[in-house]
C-alpha atoms as a PDB file:
ATOM      1  CA  UNK A   1      31.096  57.543  25.662  1.00  0.00           C
ATOM      2  CA  UNK A   2      34.038  55.103  25.377  1.00  0.00           C
ATOM      3  CA  UNK A   3      34.941  53.446  22.080  1.00  0.00           C
ATOM      4  CA  UNK A   4      35.031  49.630  22.644  1.00  0.00           C
ATOM      5  CA  UNK A   5      37.700  48.302  20.538  1.00  0.00           C
ATOM      6  CA  UNK A   6      38.725  45.607  22.941  1.00  0.00           C
ATOM      7  CA  UNK A   7      35.803  43.333  21.783  1.00  0.00           C
ATOM      8  CA  UNK A   8      36.809  41.257  18.607  1.00  0.00           C
ATOM      9  CA  UNK A   9      38.315  44.172  16.965  1.00  0.00           C
ATOM     10  CA  UNK A  10      35.164  45.816  16.107  1.00  0.00           C
ATOM     11  CA  UNK A  11      34.865  49.328  17.297  1.00  0.00           C
ATOM     12  CA  UNK A  12      31.553  50.401  18.658  1.00  0.00           C
ATOM     13  CA  UNK A  13      30.438  52.997  21.098  1.00  0.00           C
ATOM     14  CA  UNK A  14      29.525  51.897  24.583  1.00  0.00           C
ATOM     15  CA  UNK A  15      28.337  53.935  27.558  1.00  0.00           C
ATOM     16  CA  UNK A  16      30.254  53.098  30.599  1.00  0.00           C
ATOM     17  CA  UNK A  17      27.866  52.779  33.636  1.00  0.00           C
ATOM     18  CA  UNK A  18      30.883  53.344  35.899  1.00  0.00           C
ATOM     19  CA  UNK A  19      30.691  56.592  37.514  1.00  0.00           C
ATOM     20  CA  UNK A  20      33.474  59.097  37.049  1.00  0.00           C
ATOM     21  CA  UNK A  21      36.130  58.109  39.713  1.00  0.00           C
ATOM     22  CA  UNK A  22      36.370  60.137  42.922  1.00  0.00           C
ATOM     23  CA  UNK A  23      40.028  58.996  42.812  1.00  0.00           C
ATOM     24  CA  UNK A  24      41.267  61.785  40.728  1.00  0.00           C
ATOM     25  CA  UNK A  25      44.712  61.427  42.157  1.00  0.00           C
ATOM     26  CA  UNK A  26      44.912  57.628  41.870  1.00  0.00           C
ATOM     27  CA  UNK A  27      47.720  56.697  39.630  1.00  0.00           C
ATOM     28  CA  UNK A  28      47.767  53.710  37.431  1.00  0.00           C
ATOM     29  CA  UNK A  29      50.840  52.231  35.799  1.00  0.00           C
ATOM     30  CA  UNK A  30      50.127  50.757  32.395  1.00  0.00           C
ATOM     31  CA  UNK A  31      52.969  48.202  31.379  1.00  0.00           C
ATOM     32  CA  UNK A  32      52.466  47.166  27.787  1.00  0.00           C
ATOM     33  CA  UNK A  33      54.701  47.042  24.794  1.00  0.00           C
ATOM     34  CA  UNK A  34      51.890  47.924  22.353  1.00  0.00           C
ATOM     35  CA  UNK A  35      51.402  51.677  21.785  1.00  0.00           C
ATOM     36  CA  UNK A  36      47.851  50.870  20.575  1.00  0.00           C
ATOM     37  CA  UNK A  37      47.137  49.140  23.973  1.00  0.00           C
ATOM     38  CA  UNK A  38      48.638  52.020  25.887  1.00  0.00           C
ATOM     39  CA  UNK A  39      46.590  54.566  23.905  1.00  0.00           C
ATOM     40  CA  UNK A  40      43.340  52.679  24.690  1.00  0.00           C
ATOM     41  CA  UNK A  41      44.129  52.201  28.410  1.00  0.00           C
ATOM     42  CA  UNK A  42      45.038  55.972  28.749  1.00  0.00           C
ATOM     43  CA  UNK A  43      41.900  56.970  26.899  1.00  0.00           C
ATOM     44  CA  UNK A  44      39.672  55.062  29.160  1.00  0.00           C
ATOM     45  CA  UNK A  45      41.321  55.735  32.377  1.00  0.00           C
ATOM     46  CA  UNK A  46      42.111  59.471  31.958  1.00  0.00           C
ATOM     47  CA  UNK A  47      38.316  60.052  31.267  1.00  0.00           C
ATOM     48  CA  UNK A  48      37.710  58.629  34.646  1.00  0.00           C
ATOM     49  CA  UNK A  49      40.051  60.816  36.393  1.00  0.00           C
ATOM     50  CA  UNK A  50      43.048  58.534  36.858  1.00  0.00           C
ATOM     51  CA  UNK A  51      46.736  59.700  36.228  1.00  0.00           C
ATOM     52  CA  UNK A  52      48.552  57.336  34.141  1.00  0.00           C
ATOM     53  CA  UNK A  53      52.132  56.260  34.221  1.00  0.00           C
ATOM     54  CA  UNK A  54      53.591  54.112  31.207  1.00  0.00           C
ATOM     55  CA  UNK A  55      56.177  51.534  30.859  1.00  0.00           C
ATOM     56  CA  UNK A  56      56.884  49.667  27.500  1.00  0.00           C
ATOM     57  CA  UNK A  57      58.254  46.523  28.944  1.00  0.00           C
ATOM     58  CA  UNK A  58      58.513  44.377  32.229  1.00  0.00           C
ATOM     59  CA  UNK A  59      61.872  45.814  33.350  1.00  0.00           C
ATOM     60  CA  UNK A  60      60.797  49.401  32.762  1.00  0.00           C
ATOM     61  CA  UNK A  61      57.488  48.627  34.583  1.00  0.00           C
ATOM     62  CA  UNK A  62      59.383  47.345  37.531  1.00  0.00           C
ATOM     63  CA  UNK A  63      61.700  50.429  37.514  1.00  0.00           C
ATOM     64  CA  UNK A  64      58.790  52.871  37.267  1.00  0.00           C
ATOM     65  CA  UNK A  65      56.814  51.127  39.889  1.00  0.00           C
ATOM     66  CA  UNK A  66      59.701  51.224  42.411  1.00  0.00           C
ATOM     67  CA  UNK A  67      60.235  54.959  41.602  1.00  0.00           C
ATOM     68  CA  UNK A  68      56.676  56.251  41.496  1.00  0.00           C
ATOM     69  CA  UNK A  69      54.713  53.719  43.638  1.00  0.00           C
ATOM     70  CA  UNK A  70      51.520  53.810  41.714  1.00  0.00           C
ATOM     71  CA  UNK A  71      48.255  52.980  43.221  1.00  0.00           C
ATOM     72  CA  UNK A  72      47.577  49.992  40.839  1.00  0.00           C
ATOM     73  CA  UNK A  73      49.385  48.440  37.990  1.00  0.00           C
ATOM     74  CA  UNK A  74      47.984  46.973  34.738  1.00  0.00           C
ATOM     75  CA  UNK A  75      50.385  44.367  33.330  1.00  0.00           C
ATOM     76  CA  UNK A  76      50.628  42.699  29.983  1.00  0.00           C
ATOM     77  CA  UNK A  77      52.377  39.290  30.040  1.00  0.00           C
ATOM     78  CA  UNK A  78      54.033  39.057  26.512  1.00  0.00           C
ATOM     79  CA  UNK A  79      56.690  41.782  26.472  1.00  0.00           C
ATOM     80  CA  UNK A  80      60.366  42.149  25.611  1.00  0.00           C
ATOM     81  CA  UNK A  81      63.287  42.233  28.245  1.00  0.00           C
ATOM     82  CA  UNK A  82      61.105  40.992  31.104  1.00  0.00           C
ATOM     83  CA  UNK A  83      57.698  39.357  30.619  1.00  0.00           C
ATOM     84  CA  UNK A  84      54.782  40.235  32.906  1.00  0.00           C
ATOM     85  CA  UNK A  85      55.096  37.166  35.035  1.00  0.00           C
ATOM     86  CA  UNK A  86      58.662  37.957  35.764  1.00  0.00           C
ATOM     87  CA  UNK A  87      58.011  41.657  36.498  1.00  0.00           C
ATOM     88  CA  UNK A  88      55.080  40.869  38.767  1.00  0.00           C
ATOM     89  CA  UNK A  89      57.166  38.381  40.715  1.00  0.00           C
ATOM     90  CA  UNK A  90      59.765  40.885  41.199  1.00  0.00           C
ATOM     91  CA  UNK A  91      57.380  43.596  42.306  1.00  0.00           C
ATOM     92  CA  UNK A  92      55.702  41.135  44.720  1.00  0.00           C
ATOM     93  CA  UNK A  93      59.066  40.134  46.218  1.00  0.00           C
ATOM     94  CA  UNK A  94      60.154  43.903  46.851  1.00  0.00           C
ATOM     95  CA  UNK A  95      58.839  45.341  50.146  1.00  0.00           C
ATOM     96  CA  UNK A  96      58.329  48.700  48.531  1.00  0.00           C
ATOM     97  CA  UNK A  97      55.991  47.453  45.932  1.00  0.00           C
ATOM     98  CA  UNK A  98      54.681  44.177  47.339  1.00  0.00           C
ATOM     99  CA  UNK A  99      51.331  45.771  48.205  1.00  0.00           C
ATOM    100  CA  UNK A 100      50.508  47.434  44.873  1.00  0.00           C
ATOM    101  CA  UNK A 101      47.765  45.528  43.213  1.00  0.00           C
ATOM    102  CA  UNK A 102      48.500  44.039  39.860  1.00  0.00           C
ATOM    103  CA  UNK A 103      45.917  43.327  37.189  1.00  0.00           C
ATOM    104  CA  UNK A 104      47.272  41.221  34.455  1.00  0.00           C
ATOM    105  CA  UNK A 105      45.520  42.217  31.151  1.00  0.00           C
ATOM    106  CA  UNK A 106      46.720  39.861  28.439  1.00  0.00           C
ATOM    107  CA  UNK A 107      45.838  37.775  25.531  1.00  0.00           C
ATOM    108  CA  UNK A 108      47.086  34.665  27.308  1.00  0.00           C
ATOM    109  CA  UNK A 109      43.736  33.151  28.162  1.00  0.00           C
ATOM    110  CA  UNK A 110      44.628  29.545  29.073  1.00  0.00           C
ATOM    111  CA  UNK A 111      43.647  28.394  32.691  1.00  0.00           C
ATOM    112  CA  UNK A 112      47.365  27.563  33.176  1.00  0.00           C
ATOM    113  CA  UNK A 113      48.373  31.185  32.392  1.00  0.00           C
ATOM    114  CA  UNK A 114      45.949  32.558  34.784  1.00  0.00           C
ATOM    115  CA  UNK A 115      47.017  30.203  37.385  1.00  0.00           C
ATOM    116  CA  UNK A 116      50.627  31.060  36.771  1.00  0.00           C
ATOM    117  CA  UNK A 117      49.946  34.794  36.832  1.00  0.00           C
ATOM    118  CA  UNK A 118      48.060  34.455  40.187  1.00  0.00           C
ATOM    119  CA  UNK A 119      50.904  32.492  41.677  1.00  0.00           C
ATOM    120  CA  UNK A 120      53.343  35.194  40.618  1.00  0.00           C
ATOM    121  CA  UNK A 121      51.279  37.691  42.811  1.00  0.00           C
ATOM    122  CA  UNK A 122      48.514  39.229  40.323  1.00  0.00           C
ATOM    123  CA  UNK A 123      45.542  40.357  42.334  1.00  0.00           C
ATOM    124  CA  UNK A 124      43.317  39.986  39.059  1.00  0.00           C
ATOM    125  CA  UNK A 125      43.936  38.379  35.711  1.00  0.00           C
ATOM    126  CA  UNK A 126      41.804  39.634  32.705  1.00  0.00           C
ATOM    127  CA  UNK A 127      42.011  38.270  29.265  1.00  0.00           C
ATOM    128  CA  UNK A 128      42.023  40.690  26.296  1.00  0.00           C
ATOM    129  CA  UNK A 129      39.646  41.701  24.821  1.00  0.00           C
ATOM    130  CA  UNK A 130      38.259  43.144  28.018  1.00  0.00           C
ATOM    131  CA  UNK A 131      35.193  45.411  28.318  1.00  0.00           C
ATOM    132  CA  UNK A 132      36.181  48.916  29.521  1.00  0.00           C
ATOM    133  CA  UNK A 133      33.517  48.786  32.230  1.00  0.00           C
ATOM    134  CA  UNK A 134      34.749  45.422  33.499  1.00  0.00           C
ATOM    135  CA  UNK A 135      38.277  46.949  33.667  1.00  0.00           C
ATOM    136  CA  UNK A 136      37.082  49.986  35.414  1.00  0.00           C
ATOM    137  CA  UNK A 137      35.126  47.985  38.047  1.00  0.00           C
ATOM    138  CA  UNK A 138      38.070  45.989  38.818  1.00  0.00           C
ATOM    139  CA  UNK A 139      40.368  48.980  39.196  1.00  0.00           C
ATOM    140  CA  UNK A 140      38.009  50.870  41.202  1.00  0.00           C
ATOM    141  CA  UNK A 141      37.417  47.866  43.605  1.00  0.00           C
ATOM    142  CA  UNK A 142      40.951  47.427  44.122  1.00  0.00           C
ATOM    143  CA  UNK A 143      41.756  51.190  44.904  1.00  0.00           C
ATOM    144  CA  UNK A 144      38.801  51.263  47.246  1.00  0.00           C
ATOM    145  CA  UNK A 145      40.037  48.030  49.046  1.00  0.00           C
END
């Protein structure tokens, strides 16, 4: 059972219909400056067998991605040092990280934000609050691709 605290701040239990991942070795880099969001993502993803790497700002995210070459990246947008748009652009312009899928997971939900994120190289763009099952489906689909 996963606690769904992504939806309107209300905590409720939800059963995820996403099967436990067969990708127990798949590594997910979570780039977010919020300790709460990092904790939530870790809890959801570790339960599915993913290995989690963490970066607390965009620049650290770029550095960790280049060093560790994760299978997928969850990228917030509003962060210090380097925002998620800038970090994604840097990753997509670097040959060593250009093929790593980036899912932007952010509170910036305007269509112009989504368009800009996709233009920077994001593979998917999800607006918080996001349902855990939706997040897990997107991750699995991109890792299986």
